[in-house]
C-alpha atoms as a PDB file:
ATOM      1  CA  MET A   1       0.000   0.000   0.000  1.00  0.00           C
ATOM      2  CA  THR A   2       1.356   3.383  -0.947  1.00  0.00           C
ATOM      3  CA  ARG A   3       1.536   6.336   1.433  1.00  0.00           C
ATOM      4  CA  GLN A   4      -1.247   8.090  -0.506  1.00  0.00           C
ATOM      5  CA  THR A   5      -3.522   5.038  -0.265  1.00  0.00           C
ATOM      6  CA  ALA A   6      -2.780   4.653   3.445  1.00  0.00           C
ATOM      7  CA  HIS A   7      -3.567   8.336   4.017  1.00  0.00           C
ATOM      8  CA  THR A   8      -6.824   8.027   2.069  1.00  0.00           C
ATOM      9  CA  ASN A   9      -7.786   4.889   3.996  1.00  0.00           C
ATOM     10  CA  ASP A  10      -6.952   6.560   7.320  1.00  0.00           C
ATOM     11  CA  ALA A  11      -9.123   9.545   6.425  1.00  0.00           C
ATOM     12  CA  ALA A  12     -11.954   7.284   5.276  1.00  0.00           C
ATOM     13  CA  LEU A  13     -11.725   5.223   8.466  1.00  0.00           C
ATOM     14  CA  ALA A  14     -11.789   8.350  10.632  1.00  0.00           C
ATOM     15  CA  ALA A  15     -14.840   9.662   8.756  1.00  0.00           C
ATOM     16  CA  PHE A  16     -16.543   6.252   9.010  1.00  0.00           C
ATOM     17  CA  ILE A  17     -15.957   6.037  12.765  1.00  0.00           C
ATOM     18  CA  ALA A  18     -17.204   9.594  13.276  1.00  0.00           C
ATOM     19  CA  LYS A  19     -20.387   8.876  11.279  1.00  0.00           C
ATOM     20  CA  LYS A  20     -20.884   5.584  13.160  1.00  0.00           C
ATOM     21  CA  ALA A  21     -20.649   7.466  16.474  1.00  0.00           C
ATOM     22  CA  GLU A  22     -23.263   9.923  15.180  1.00  0.00           C
ATOM     23  CA  ILE A  23     -25.609   7.051  14.267  1.00  0.00           C
ATOM     24  CA  ASP A  24     -24.982   5.294  17.595  1.00  0.00           C
ATOM     25  CA  ALA A  25     -25.935   8.495  19.442  1.00  0.00           C
ATOM     26  CA  MET A  26     -29.152   8.819  17.412  1.00  0.00           C
ATOM     27  CA  LEU A  27     -30.036   5.176  18.071  1.00  0.00           C
ATOM     28  CA  SER A  28     -29.420   5.647  21.785  1.00  0.00           C
ATOM     29  CA  ARG A  29     -31.672   8.709  21.871  1.00  0.00           C
ATOM     30  CA  LEU A  30     -34.380   6.883  19.930  1.00  0.00           C
ATOM     31  CA  GLN A  31     -34.169   3.895  22.300  1.00  0.00           C
ATOM     32  CA  ALA A  32     -34.623   6.186  25.307  1.00  0.00           C
ATOM     33  CA  PHE A  33     -37.471   8.029  23.540  1.00  0.00           C
ATOM     34  CA  SER A  34     -39.151   4.683  22.846  1.00  0.00           C
ATOM     35  CA  ALA A  35     -38.788   3.667  26.502  1.00  0.00           C
ATOM     36  CA  ASP A  36     -40.622   6.909  27.350  1.00  0.00           C
ATOM     37  CA  HIS A  37     -43.496   6.053  24.963  1.00  0.00           C
ATOM     38  CA  PHE A  38     -42.112   8.505  22.391  1.00  0.00           C
ATOM     39  CA  GLY A  39     -43.012  11.374  24.692  1.00  0.00           C
ATOM     40  CA  ALA A  40     -46.704  10.448  24.792  1.00  0.00           C
ATOM     41  CA  ASP A  41     -48.690  10.003  27.978  1.00  0.00           C
ATOM     42  CA  PRO A  42     -50.135   6.464  27.637  1.00  0.00           C
ATOM     43  CA  GLU A  43     -53.346   7.707  29.266  1.00  0.00           C
ATOM     44  CA  ARG A  44     -53.777  10.406  26.601  1.00  0.00           C
ATOM     45  CA  VAL A  45     -52.672   8.690  23.388  1.00  0.00           C
ATOM     46  CA  ASN A  46     -54.755   9.721  20.382  1.00  0.00           C
ATOM     47  CA  TRP A  47     -54.703   9.091  16.640  1.00  0.00           C
ATOM     48  CA  SER A  48     -52.263  11.949  16.125  1.00  0.00           C
ATOM     49  CA  HIS A  49     -49.714  10.029  18.190  1.00  0.00           C
ATOM     50  CA  VAL A  50     -50.401   6.915  16.136  1.00  0.00           C
ATOM     51  CA  GLY A  51     -49.877   8.833  12.894  1.00  0.00           C
ATOM     52  CA  SER A  52     -46.615  10.328  14.098  1.00  0.00           C
ATOM     53  CA  LEU A  53     -45.343   6.947  15.212  1.00  0.00           C
ATOM     54  CA  GLU A  54     -46.441   5.368  11.938  1.00  0.00           C
ATOM     55  CA  TYR A  55     -44.412   7.954  10.005  1.00  0.00           C
ATOM     56  CA  GLN A  56     -41.348   7.380  12.176  1.00  0.00           C
ATOM     57  CA  ALA A  57     -41.703   3.604  11.733  1.00  0.00           C
ATOM     58  CA  HIS A  58     -41.926   4.125   7.960  1.00  0.00           C
ATOM     59  CA  LEU A  59     -38.662   6.100   7.934  1.00  0.00           C
ATOM     60  CA  LEU A  60     -36.905   3.536  10.119  1.00  0.00           C
ATOM     61  CA  LYS A  61     -38.140   0.724   7.858  1.00  0.00           C
ATOM     62  CA  GLN A  62     -36.563   2.489   4.875  1.00  0.00           C
ATOM     63  CA  ILE A  63     -33.255   2.612   6.748  1.00  0.00           C
ATOM     64  CA  SER A  64     -33.569  -1.004   7.868  1.00  0.00           C
ATOM     65  CA  ASP A  65     -34.467  -2.205   4.361  1.00  0.00           C
ATOM     66  CA  PHE A  66     -31.449  -0.354   2.951  1.00  0.00           C
ATOM     67  CA  ALA A  67     -29.098  -1.732   5.618  1.00  0.00           C
ATOM     68  CA  PHE A  68     -30.249  -5.339   5.210  1.00  0.00           C
ATOM     69  CA  GLY A  69     -31.014  -5.375   1.483  1.00  0.00           C
ATOM     70  CA  GLU A  70     -34.720  -5.952   2.045  1.00  0.00           C
ATOM     71  CA  GLY A  71     -37.936  -4.401   0.694  1.00  0.00           C
ATOM     72  CA  GLU A  72     -37.228  -2.189  -2.318  1.00  0.00           C
ATOM     73  CA  HIS A  73     -33.501  -2.748  -1.743  1.00  0.00           C
ATOM     74  CA  ALA A  74     -33.734  -6.523  -2.054  1.00  0.00           C
ATOM     75  CA  ALA A  75     -31.493  -8.082  -4.673  1.00  0.00           C
END
């Protein structure tokens, strides 16, 4: 491996690790938000809460399908 390739790989690895840390932080926040019923009072849940959660689930499914090659990203 040349010095230029090693430098490029080091920079790519650093960027990858930084982006992974960003994703890990988002996942941690989402897990805590889920544990708190996504900020909804279980005694006062209404269809607006359901719609919001449905939209969030839709976005997460897109990410999951992309990550695992499923849904529209299936081979």
